[in-house]
Amino acid sequence: MLMMLKAHIAKPADASNKEFYSVWLKEAEAALAAKEAGVIQAIWKVAGKPEVIAILDVESGDVLDRAIQGLPLWKLGYAHIVKDLEFIALRPYENWAEDLQTLAQG
């Protein structure tokens, strides 16, 4: 199942730049390893914003939950810096186009 993940990252007021970016670096290393493993199909940092967008290929919501809980931000106790975490289920547009053939017939 393909999922689009969008996450806004917010630096806590009491965190130093070194602490904040060190944690984000660990997260980036884990994300790149997941990309190499094929779980993350593509990942981007939004230019000019502390946001990340990724396309993930997971078997189920259970697998997605386990993957999120295993990320460094969660394991190190920094889940609170992730704001507006959003997941959107995706389907191939070609499949939708096939469904439209039936829907358009009324």
PDB file of N, CA and C in Angstrom:
ATOM      1  N   MET A   1       0.853  -1.155   0.000  1.00  0.00           N
ATOM      2  CA  MET A   1       0.000   0.000   0.000  1.00  0.00           C
ATOM      3  C   MET A   1       0.908   1.229   0.000  1.00  0.00           C
ATOM      4  N   LEU A   2       0.682   2.101  -0.977  1.00  0.00           N
ATOM      5  CA  LEU A   2       1.463   3.336  -1.020  1.00  0.00           C
ATOM      6  C   LEU A   2       0.814   4.396  -0.151  1.00  0.00           C
ATOM      7  N   MET A   3       1.635   5.065   0.630  1.00  0.00           N
ATOM      8  CA  MET A   3       1.165   6.131   1.510  1.00  0.00           C
ATOM      9  C   MET A   3       2.040   7.358   1.301  1.00  0.00           C
ATOM     10  N   MET A   4       1.410   8.520   1.274  1.00  0.00           N
ATOM     11  CA  MET A   4       2.177   9.757   1.284  1.00  0.00           C
ATOM     12  C   MET A   4       2.232  10.239   2.725  1.00  0.00           C
ATOM     13  N   LEU A   5       3.416  10.514   3.199  1.00  0.00           N
ATOM     14  CA  LEU A   5       3.616  11.041   4.540  1.00  0.00           C
ATOM     15  C   LEU A   5       4.039  12.495   4.413  1.00  0.00           C
ATOM     16  N   LYS A   6       3.424  13.336   5.206  1.00  0.00           N
ATOM     17  CA  LYS A   6       3.835  14.737   5.284  1.00  0.00           C
ATOM     18  C   LYS A   6       4.012  15.055   6.761  1.00  0.00           C
ATOM     19  N   ALA A   7       5.195  15.562   7.121  1.00  0.00           N
ATOM     20  CA  ALA A   7       5.488  15.870   8.521  1.00  0.00           C
ATOM     21  C   ALA A   7       6.109  17.250   8.634  1.00  0.00           C
ATOM     22  N   HIS A   8       5.551  18.054   9.515  1.00  0.00           N
ATOM     23  CA  HIS A   8       6.123  19.362   9.847  1.00  0.00           C
ATOM     24  C   HIS A   8       6.934  19.167  11.121  1.00  0.00           C
ATOM     25  N   ILE A   9       8.176  19.613  11.094  1.00  0.00           N
ATOM     26  CA  ILE A   9       9.074  19.471  12.240  1.00  0.00           C
ATOM     27  C   ILE A   9       9.224  20.837  12.904  1.00  0.00           C
ATOM     28  N   ALA A  10       9.030  20.905  14.213  1.00  0.00           N
ATOM     29  CA  ALA A  10       9.133  22.174  14.941  1.00  0.00           C
ATOM     30  C   ALA A  10      10.232  22.076  15.998  1.00  0.00           C
ATOM     31  N   LYS A  11      11.149  23.015  15.967  1.00  0.00           N
ATOM     32  CA  LYS A  11      12.241  23.046  16.942  1.00  0.00           C
ATOM     33  C   LYS A  11      11.708  23.568  18.275  1.00  0.00           C
ATOM     34  N   PRO A  12      11.842  22.775  19.352  1.00  0.00           N
ATOM     35  CA  PRO A  12      11.405  23.250  20.663  1.00  0.00           C
ATOM     36  C   PRO A  12      12.230  24.464  21.106  1.00  0.00           C
ATOM     37  N   ALA A  13      11.606  25.373  21.798  1.00  0.00           N
ATOM     38  CA  ALA A  13      12.283  26.594  22.244  1.00  0.00           C
ATOM     39  C   ALA A  13      13.463  26.289  23.161  1.00  0.00           C
ATOM     40  N   ASP A  14      13.364  25.206  23.927  1.00  0.00           N
ATOM     41  CA  ASP A  14      14.441  24.893  24.875  1.00  0.00           C
ATOM     42  C   ASP A  14      15.531  23.989  24.285  1.00  0.00           C
ATOM     43  N   ALA A  15      15.446  23.667  23.002  1.00  0.00           N
ATOM     44  CA  ALA A  15      16.461  22.816  22.366  1.00  0.00           C
ATOM     45  C   ALA A  15      17.501  23.675  21.658  1.00  0.00           C
ATOM     46  N   SER A  16      18.757  23.324  21.834  1.00  0.00           N
ATOM     47  CA  SER A  16      19.823  24.024  21.110  1.00  0.00           C
ATOM     48  C   SER A  16      19.795  23.579  19.649  1.00  0.00           C
ATOM     49  N   ASN A  17      20.389  24.379  18.783  1.00  0.00           N
ATOM     50  CA  ASN A  17      20.489  23.987  17.377  1.00  0.00           C
ATOM     51  C   ASN A  17      21.228  22.661  17.250  1.00  0.00           C
ATOM     52  N   LYS A  18      22.303  22.498  18.032  1.00  0.00           N
ATOM     53  CA  LYS A  18      23.086  21.263  17.975  1.00  0.00           C
ATOM     54  C   LYS A  18      22.217  20.055  18.312  1.00  0.00           C
ATOM     55  N   GLU A  19      21.447  20.151  19.390  1.00  0.00           N
ATOM     56  CA  GLU A  19      20.580  19.045  19.797  1.00  0.00           C
ATOM     57  C   GLU A  19      19.521  18.766  18.729  1.00  0.00           C
ATOM     58  N   PHE A  20      18.845  19.812  18.273  1.00  0.00           N
ATOM     59  CA  PHE A  20      17.763  19.669  17.295  1.00  0.00           C
ATOM     60  C   PHE A  20      18.263  19.033  15.999  1.00  0.00           C
ATOM     61  N   TYR A  21      19.347  19.584  15.452  1.00  0.00           N
ATOM     62  CA  TYR A  21      19.832  19.073  14.172  1.00  0.00           C
ATOM     63  C   TYR A  21      20.518  17.717  14.315  1.00  0.00           C
ATOM     64  N   SER A  22      21.057  17.401  15.483  1.00  0.00           N
ATOM     65  CA  SER A  22      21.632  16.072  15.716  1.00  0.00           C
ATOM     66  C   SER A  22      20.543  15.002  15.682  1.00  0.00           C
ATOM     67  N   VAL A  23      19.405  15.311  16.300  1.00  0.00           N
ATOM     68  CA  VAL A  23      18.280  14.376  16.271  1.00  0.00           C
ATOM     69  C   VAL A  23      17.754  14.243  14.844  1.00  0.00           C
ATOM     70  N   TRP A  24      17.640  15.364  14.130  1.00  0.00           N
ATOM     71  CA  TRP A  24      17.141  15.313  12.749  1.00  0.00           C
ATOM     72  C   TRP A  24      18.122  14.527  11.873  1.00  0.00           C
ATOM     73  N   LEU A  25      19.415  14.644  12.131  1.00  0.00           N
ATOM     74  CA  LEU A  25      20.415  13.882  11.381  1.00  0.00           C
ATOM     75  C   LEU A  25      20.205  12.382  11.572  1.00  0.00           C
ATOM     76  N   LYS A  26      19.936  11.950  12.807  1.00  0.00           N
ATOM     77  CA  LYS A  26      19.670  10.533  13.059  1.00  0.00           C
ATOM     78  C   LYS A  26      18.424  10.081  12.302  1.00  0.00           C
ATOM     79  N   GLU A  27      17.430  10.940  12.271  1.00  0.00           N
ATOM     80  CA  GLU A  27      16.203  10.640  11.531  1.00  0.00           C
ATOM     81  C   GLU A  27      16.492  10.523  10.035  1.00  0.00           C
ATOM     82  N   ALA A  28      17.320  11.426   9.521  1.00  0.00           N
ATOM     83  CA  ALA A  28      17.677  11.399   8.097  1.00  0.00           C
ATOM     84  C   ALA A  28      18.428  10.115   7.750  1.00  0.00           C
ATOM     85  N   GLU A  29      19.333   9.705   8.615  1.00  0.00           N
ATOM     86  CA  GLU A  29      20.081   8.466   8.375  1.00  0.00           C
ATOM     87  C   GLU A  29      19.140   7.267   8.331  1.00  0.00           C
ATOM     88  N   ALA A  30      18.168   7.229   9.243  1.00  0.00           N
ATOM     89  CA  ALA A  30      17.191   6.137   9.260  1.00  0.00           C
ATOM     90  C   ALA A  30      16.314   6.181   8.009  1.00  0.00           C
ATOM     91  N   ALA A  31      15.917   7.374   7.598  1.00  0.00           N
ATOM     92  CA  ALA A  31      15.077   7.517   6.403  1.00  0.00           C
ATOM     93  C   ALA A  31      15.815   7.053   5.156  1.00  0.00           C
ATOM     94  N   LEU A  32      17.080   7.411   5.039  1.00  0.00           N
ATOM     95  CA  LEU A  32      17.851   6.992   3.868  1.00  0.00           C
ATOM     96  C   LEU A  32      18.073   5.478   3.858  1.00  0.00           C
ATOM     97  N   ALA A  33      18.234   4.881   5.039  1.00  0.00           N
ATOM     98  CA  ALA A  33      18.347   3.419   5.124  1.00  0.00           C
ATOM     99  C   ALA A  33      17.030   2.762   4.712  1.00  0.00           C
ATOM    100  N   ALA A  34      15.905   3.348   5.129  1.00  0.00           N
ATOM    101  CA  ALA A  34      14.591   2.825   4.735  1.00  0.00           C
ATOM    102  C   ALA A  34      14.370   2.978   3.234  1.00  0.00           C
ATOM    103  N   LYS A  35      14.925   4.036   2.664  1.00  0.00           N
ATOM    104  CA  LYS A  35      14.826   4.221   1.209  1.00  0.00           C
ATOM    105  C   LYS A  35      15.625   3.138   0.496  1.00  0.00           C
ATOM    106  N   GLU A  36      16.817   2.862   0.980  1.00  0.00           N
ATOM    107  CA  GLU A  36      17.634   1.794   0.389  1.00  0.00           C
ATOM    108  C   GLU A  36      16.942   0.437   0.511  1.00  0.00           C
ATOM    109  N   ALA A  37      16.204   0.229   1.599  1.00  0.00           N
ATOM    110  CA  ALA A  37      15.500  -1.034   1.828  1.00  0.00           C
ATOM    111  C   ALA A  37      14.209  -1.135   1.020  1.00  0.00           C
ATOM    112  N   GLY A  38      13.773  -0.024   0.417  1.00  0.00           N
ATOM    113  CA  GLY A  38      12.574  -0.040  -0.409  1.00  0.00           C
ATOM    114  C   GLY A  38      11.293   0.324   0.303  1.00  0.00           C
ATOM    115  N   VAL A  39      11.355   0.574   1.611  1.00  0.00           N
ATOM    116  CA  VAL A  39      10.150   0.981   2.346  1.00  0.00           C
ATOM    117  C   VAL A  39       9.756   2.398   1.955  1.00  0.00           C
ATOM    118  N   ILE A  40      10.728   3.271   1.874  1.00  0.00           N
ATOM    119  CA  ILE A  40      10.486   4.631   1.393  1.00  0.00           C
ATOM    120  C   ILE A  40      10.820   4.646  -0.092  1.00  0.00           C
ATOM    121  N   GLN A  41       9.829   4.972  -0.904  1.00  0.00           N
ATOM    122  CA  GLN A  41      10.022   5.020  -2.351  1.00  0.00           C
ATOM    123  C   GLN A  41      10.724   6.300  -2.777  1.00  0.00           C
ATOM    124  N   ALA A  42      10.362   7.397  -2.129  1.00  0.00           N
ATOM    125  CA  ALA A  42      10.961   8.705  -2.418  1.00  0.00           C
ATOM    126  C   ALA A  42      10.765   9.572  -1.188  1.00  0.00           C
ATOM    127  N   ILE A  43      11.690  10.516  -0.990  1.00  0.00           N
ATOM    128  CA  ILE A  43      11.591  11.409   0.165  1.00  0.00           C
ATOM    129  C   ILE A  43      12.176  12.760  -0.204  1.00  0.00           C
ATOM    130  N   TRP A  44      11.520  13.810   0.281  1.00  0.00           N
ATOM    131  CA  TRP A  44      11.954  15.173  -0.005  1.00  0.00           C
ATOM    132  C   TRP A  44      11.894  16.008   1.262  1.00  0.00           C
ATOM    133  N   LYS A  45      12.777  16.975   1.345  1.00  0.00           N
ATOM    134  CA  LYS A  45      12.696  18.041   2.346  1.00  0.00           C
ATOM    135  C   LYS A  45      12.096  19.218   1.597  1.00  0.00           C
ATOM    136  N   VAL A  46      11.027  19.803   2.107  1.00  0.00           N
ATOM    137  CA  VAL A  46      10.383  20.948   1.467  1.00  0.00           C
ATOM    138  C   VAL A  46      11.316  22.147   1.591  1.00  0.00           C
ATOM    139  N   ALA A  47      11.633  22.762   0.476  1.00  0.00           N
ATOM    140  CA  ALA A  47      12.545  23.907   0.469  1.00  0.00           C
ATOM    141  C   ALA A  47      11.947  25.064   1.268  1.00  0.00           C
ATOM    142  N   GLY A  48      12.751  25.626   2.144  1.00  0.00           N
ATOM    143  CA  GLY A  48      12.344  26.796   2.910  1.00  0.00           C
ATOM    144  C   GLY A  48      11.436  26.522   4.089  1.00  0.00           C
ATOM    145  N   LYS A  49      11.096  25.266   4.341  1.00  0.00           N
ATOM    146  CA  LYS A  49      10.214  24.917   5.458  1.00  0.00           C
ATOM    147  C   LYS A  49      10.774  23.690   6.174  1.00  0.00           C
ATOM    148  N   PRO A  50      10.521  23.577   7.474  1.00  0.00           N
ATOM    149  CA  PRO A  50      10.955  22.374   8.189  1.00  0.00           C
ATOM    150  C   PRO A  50       9.938  21.242   8.002  1.00  0.00           C
ATOM    151  N   GLU A  51       9.765  20.824   6.763  1.00  0.00           N
ATOM    152  CA  GLU A  51       8.798  19.780   6.430  1.00  0.00           C
ATOM    153  C   GLU A  51       9.459  18.703   5.582  1.00  0.00           C
ATOM    154  N   VAL A  52       8.938  17.504   5.727  1.00  0.00           N
ATOM    155  CA  VAL A  52       9.396  16.360   4.953  1.00  0.00           C
ATOM    156  C   VAL A  52       8.173  15.707   4.321  1.00  0.00           C
ATOM    157  N   ILE A  53       8.328  15.296   3.067  1.00  0.00           N
ATOM    158  CA  ILE A  53       7.288  14.549   2.361  1.00  0.00           C
ATOM    159  C   ILE A  53       7.930  13.265   1.861  1.00  0.00           C
ATOM    160  N   ALA A  54       7.243  12.147   2.060  1.00  0.00           N
ATOM    161  CA  ALA A  54       7.776  10.860   1.614  1.00  0.00           C
ATOM    162  C   ALA A  54       6.652  10.000   1.056  1.00  0.00           C
ATOM    163  N   ILE A  55       7.021   9.131   0.141  1.00  0.00           N
ATOM    164  CA  ILE A  55       6.115   8.105  -0.366  1.00  0.00           C
ATOM    165  C   ILE A  55       6.628   6.776   0.181  1.00  0.00           C
ATOM    166  N   LEU A  56       5.761   6.096   0.948  1.00  0.00           N
ATOM    167  CA  LEU A  56       6.134   4.837   1.581  1.00  0.00           C
ATOM    168  C   LEU A  56       5.355   3.691   0.963  1.00  0.00           C
ATOM    169  N   ASP A  57       5.959   2.527   0.925  1.00  0.00           N
ATOM    170  CA  ASP A  57       5.298   1.314   0.461  1.00  0.00           C
ATOM    171  C   ASP A  57       5.247   0.353   1.643  1.00  0.00           C
ATOM    172  N   VAL A  58       4.071   0.252   2.262  1.00  0.00           N
ATOM    173  CA  VAL A  58       3.897  -0.596   3.445  1.00  0.00           C
ATOM    174  C   VAL A  58       2.772  -1.598   3.197  1.00  0.00           C
ATOM    175  N   GLU A  59       2.850  -2.724   3.878  1.00  0.00           N
ATOM    176  CA  GLU A  59       1.854  -3.785   3.697  1.00  0.00           C
ATOM    177  C   GLU A  59       0.517  -3.451   4.348  1.00  0.00           C
ATOM    178  N   SER A  60       0.563  -2.726   5.467  1.00  0.00           N
ATOM    179  CA  SER A  60      -0.668  -2.466   6.214  1.00  0.00           C
ATOM    180  C   SER A  60      -0.460  -1.294   7.166  1.00  0.00           C
ATOM    181  N   GLY A  61      -1.557  -0.880   7.777  1.00  0.00           N
ATOM    182  CA  GLY A  61      -1.479   0.154   8.798  1.00  0.00           C
ATOM    183  C   GLY A  61      -0.658  -0.286   9.995  1.00  0.00           C
ATOM    184  N   ASP A  62      -0.702  -1.579  10.304  1.00  0.00           N
ATOM    185  CA  ASP A  62       0.101  -2.112  11.411  1.00  0.00           C
ATOM    186  C   ASP A  62       1.586  -1.925  11.138  1.00  0.00           C
ATOM    187  N   VAL A  63       2.005  -2.242   9.915  1.00  0.00           N
ATOM    188  CA  VAL A  63       3.410  -2.088   9.533  1.00  0.00           C
ATOM    189  C   VAL A  63       3.800  -0.617   9.577  1.00  0.00           C
ATOM    190  N   LEU A  64       2.898   0.244   9.137  1.00  0.00           N
ATOM    191  CA  LEU A  64       3.156   1.686   9.165  1.00  0.00           C
ATOM    192  C   LEU A  64       3.355   2.165  10.601  1.00  0.00           C
ATOM    193  N   ASP A  65       2.469   1.760  11.504  1.00  0.00           N
ATOM    194  CA  ASP A  65       2.597   2.142  12.915  1.00  0.00           C
ATOM    195  C   ASP A  65       3.931   1.683  13.499  1.00  0.00           C
ATOM    196  N   ARG A  66       4.301   0.446  13.226  1.00  0.00           N
ATOM    197  CA  ARG A  66       5.553  -0.086  13.763  1.00  0.00           C
ATOM    198  C   ARG A  66       6.759   0.664  13.206  1.00  0.00           C
ATOM    199  N   ALA A  67       6.692   1.009  11.930  1.00  0.00           N
ATOM    200  CA  ALA A  67       7.794   1.754  11.314  1.00  0.00           C
ATOM    201  C   ALA A  67       7.937   3.132  11.952  1.00  0.00           C
ATOM    202  N   ILE A  68       6.818   3.818  12.168  1.00  0.00           N
ATOM    203  CA  ILE A  68       6.852   5.156  12.777  1.00  0.00           C
ATOM    204  C   ILE A  68       7.395   5.068  14.204  1.00  0.00           C
ATOM    205  N   GLN A  69       6.918   4.099  14.977  1.00  0.00           N
ATOM    206  CA  GLN A  69       7.370   3.956  16.367  1.00  0.00           C
ATOM    207  C   GLN A  69       8.841   3.580  16.458  1.00  0.00           C
ATOM    208  N   GLY A  70       9.390   3.015  15.397  1.00  0.00           N
ATOM    209  CA  GLY A  70      10.797   2.638  15.386  1.00  0.00           C
ATOM    210  C   GLY A  70      11.742   3.739  14.936  1.00  0.00           C
ATOM    211  N   LEU A  71      11.193   4.877  14.515  1.00  0.00           N
ATOM    212  CA  LEU A  71      12.045   5.980  14.052  1.00  0.00           C
ATOM    213  C   LEU A  71      12.803   6.620  15.216  1.00  0.00           C
ATOM    214  N   PRO A  72      13.991   7.151  14.950  1.00  0.00           N
ATOM    215  CA  PRO A  72      14.779   7.790  16.012  1.00  0.00           C
ATOM    216  C   PRO A  72      14.016   8.873  16.774  1.00  0.00           C
ATOM    217  N   LEU A  73      13.208   9.674  16.089  1.00  0.00           N
ATOM    218  CA  LEU A  73      12.472  10.730  16.804  1.00  0.00           C
ATOM    219  C   LEU A  73      11.598  10.141  17.904  1.00  0.00           C
ATOM    220  N   TRP A  74      10.982   8.990  17.658  1.00  0.00           N
ATOM    221  CA  TRP A  74      10.137   8.358  18.664  1.00  0.00           C
ATOM    222  C   TRP A  74      10.990   7.632  19.694  1.00  0.00           C
ATOM    223  N   LYS A  75      11.971   6.874  19.241  1.00  0.00           N
ATOM    224  CA  LYS A  75      12.794   6.086  20.162  1.00  0.00           C
ATOM    225  C   LYS A  75      13.601   6.959  21.115  1.00  0.00           C
ATOM    226  N   LEU A  76      13.998   8.142  20.667  1.00  0.00           N
ATOM    227  CA  LEU A  76      14.799   9.042  21.506  1.00  0.00           C
ATOM    228  C   LEU A  76      13.943  10.022  22.314  1.00  0.00           C
ATOM    229  N   GLY A  77      12.611   9.915  22.195  1.00  0.00           N
ATOM    230  CA  GLY A  77      11.719  10.768  22.974  1.00  0.00           C
ATOM    231  C   GLY A  77      11.473  12.148  22.381  1.00  0.00           C
ATOM    232  N   TYR A  78      11.623  12.273  21.067  1.00  0.00           N
ATOM    233  CA  TYR A  78      11.421  13.572  20.418  1.00  0.00           C
ATOM    234  C   TYR A  78      10.180  13.603  19.531  1.00  0.00           C
ATOM    235  N   ALA A  79       9.252  12.698  19.723  1.00  0.00           N
ATOM    236  CA  ALA A  79       8.049  12.663  18.883  1.00  0.00           C
ATOM    237  C   ALA A  79       7.288  13.983  18.936  1.00  0.00           C
ATOM    238  N   HIS A  80       7.426  14.714  20.040  1.00  0.00           N
ATOM    239  CA  HIS A  80       6.698  15.977  20.198  1.00  0.00           C
ATOM    240  C   HIS A  80       7.140  17.053  19.208  1.00  0.00           C
ATOM    241  N   ILE A  81       8.290  16.888  18.556  1.00  0.00           N
ATOM    242  CA  ILE A  81       8.719  17.914  17.597  1.00  0.00           C
ATOM    243  C   ILE A  81       8.086  17.708  16.224  1.00  0.00           C
ATOM    244  N   VAL A  82       7.419  16.556  16.042  1.00  0.00           N
ATOM    245  CA  VAL A  82       6.728  16.296  14.778  1.00  0.00           C
ATOM    246  C   VAL A  82       5.309  16.841  14.900  1.00  0.00           C
ATOM    247  N   LYS A  83       5.009  17.842  14.116  1.00  0.00           N
ATOM    248  CA  LYS A  83       3.686  18.472  14.138  1.00  0.00           C
ATOM    249  C   LYS A  83       2.965  18.131  12.835  1.00  0.00           C
ATOM    250  N   ASP A  84       1.673  18.066  12.887  1.00  0.00           N
ATOM    251  CA  ASP A  84       0.855  17.864  11.685  1.00  0.00           C
ATOM    252  C   ASP A  84       1.312  16.665  10.862  1.00  0.00           C
ATOM    253  N   LEU A  85       1.497  15.531  11.506  1.00  0.00           N
ATOM    254  CA  LEU A  85       1.852  14.303  10.807  1.00  0.00           C
ATOM    255  C   LEU A  85       0.621  13.832  10.041  1.00  0.00           C
ATOM    256  N   GLU A  86       0.762  13.697   8.732  1.00  0.00           N
ATOM    257  CA  GLU A  86      -0.375  13.354   7.882  1.00  0.00           C
ATOM    258  C   GLU A  86      -0.001  12.184   6.973  1.00  0.00           C
ATOM    259  N   PHE A  87      -0.914  11.222   6.866  1.00  0.00           N
ATOM    260  CA  PHE A  87      -0.752  10.095   5.956  1.00  0.00           C
ATOM    261  C   PHE A  87      -1.924  10.083   4.994  1.00  0.00           C
ATOM    262  N   ILE A  88      -1.624   9.879   3.728  1.00  0.00           N
ATOM    263  CA  ILE A  88      -2.659   9.813   2.703  1.00  0.00           C
ATOM    264  C   ILE A  88      -2.433   8.532   1.904  1.00  0.00           C
ATOM    265  N   ALA A  89      -3.457   7.663   1.872  1.00  0.00           N
ATOM    266  CA  ALA A  89      -3.365   6.433   1.082  1.00  0.00           C
ATOM    267  C   ALA A  89      -3.429   6.789  -0.400  1.00  0.00           C
ATOM    268  N   LEU A  90      -2.562   6.149  -1.180  1.00  0.00           N
ATOM    269  CA  LEU A  90      -2.489   6.420  -2.616  1.00  0.00           C
ATOM    270  C   LEU A  90      -2.841   5.164  -3.400  1.00  0.00           C
ATOM    271  N   ARG A  91      -3.394   5.382  -4.581  1.00  0.00           N
ATOM    272  CA  ARG A  91      -3.641   4.270  -5.490  1.00  0.00           C
ATOM    273  C   ARG A  91      -3.202   4.682  -6.877  1.00  0.00           C
ATOM    274  N   PRO A  92      -2.796   3.733  -7.695  1.00  0.00           N
ATOM    275  CA  PRO A  92      -2.350   4.085  -9.043  1.00  0.00           C
ATOM    276  C   PRO A  92      -3.471   4.759  -9.841  1.00  0.00           C
ATOM    277  N   TYR A  93      -3.122   5.809 -10.527  1.00  0.00           N
ATOM    278  CA  TYR A  93      -4.123   6.538 -11.301  1.00  0.00           C
ATOM    279  C   TYR A  93      -4.691   5.664 -12.419  1.00  0.00           C
ATOM    280  N   GLU A  94      -3.878   4.750 -12.930  1.00  0.00           N
ATOM    281  CA  GLU A  94      -4.355   3.842 -13.972  1.00  0.00           C
ATOM    282  C   GLU A  94      -5.546   3.013 -13.477  1.00  0.00           C
ATOM    283  N   ASN A  95      -5.509   2.596 -12.211  1.00  0.00           N
ATOM    284  CA  ASN A  95      -6.630   1.844 -11.634  1.00  0.00           C
ATOM    285  C   ASN A  95      -7.878   2.709 -11.551  1.00  0.00           C
ATOM    286  N   TRP A  96      -7.706   3.964 -11.175  1.00  0.00           N
ATOM    287  CA  TRP A  96      -8.826   4.902 -11.120  1.00  0.00           C
ATOM    288  C   TRP A  96      -9.405   5.115 -12.520  1.00  0.00           C
ATOM    289  N   ALA A  97      -8.538   5.236 -13.509  1.00  0.00           N
ATOM    290  CA  ALA A  97      -9.000   5.425 -14.886  1.00  0.00           C
ATOM    291  C   ALA A  97      -9.844   4.232 -15.336  1.00  0.00           C
ATOM    292  N   GLU A  98      -9.463   3.024 -14.928  1.00  0.00           N
ATOM    293  CA  GLU A  98     -10.272   1.841 -15.242  1.00  0.00           C
ATOM    294  C   GLU A  98     -11.633   1.924 -14.564  1.00  0.00           C
ATOM    295  N   ASP A  99     -11.670   2.337 -13.299  1.00  0.00           N
ATOM    296  CA  ASP A  99     -12.941   2.494 -12.585  1.00  0.00           C
ATOM    297  C   ASP A  99     -13.823   3.532 -13.265  1.00  0.00           C
ATOM    298  N   LEU A 100     -13.212   4.555 -13.814  1.00  0.00           N
ATOM    299  CA  LEU A 100     -13.979   5.601 -14.494  1.00  0.00           C
ATOM    300  C   LEU A 100     -14.738   5.064 -15.701  1.00  0.00           C
ATOM    301  N   GLN A 101     -14.203   4.039 -16.342  1.00  0.00           N
ATOM    302  CA  GLN A 101     -14.905   3.440 -17.481  1.00  0.00           C
ATOM    303  C   GLN A 101     -16.290   2.959 -17.046  1.00  0.00           C
ATOM    304  N   THR A 102     -16.375   2.319 -15.886  1.00  0.00           N
ATOM    305  CA  THR A 102     -17.651   1.843 -15.358  1.00  0.00           C
ATOM    306  C   THR A 102     -18.496   2.994 -14.837  1.00  0.00           C
ATOM    307  N   LEU A 103     -17.888   3.883 -14.084  1.00  0.00           N
ATOM    308  CA  LEU A 103     -18.628   5.003 -13.495  1.00  0.00           C
ATOM    309  C   LEU A 103     -19.237   5.909 -14.559  1.00  0.00           C
ATOM    310  N   ALA A 104     -18.542   6.096 -15.644  1.00  0.00           N
ATOM    311  CA  ALA A 104     -19.024   6.989 -16.699  1.00  0.00           C
ATOM    312  C   ALA A 104     -20.220   6.406 -17.449  1.00  0.00           C
ATOM    313  N   GLN A 105     -20.463   5.110 -17.294  1.00  0.00           N
ATOM    314  CA  GLN A 105     -21.604   4.484 -17.957  1.00  0.00           C
ATOM    315  C   GLN A 105     -22.896   4.678 -17.175  1.00  0.00           C
ATOM    316  N   GLY A 106     -22.781   5.221 -15.971  1.00  0.00           N
ATOM    317  CA  GLY A 106     -23.964   5.527 -15.174  1.00  0.00           C
ATOM    318  C   GLY A 106     -24.356   4.382 -14.346  1.00  0.00           C
TER     319      GLY A 106
END
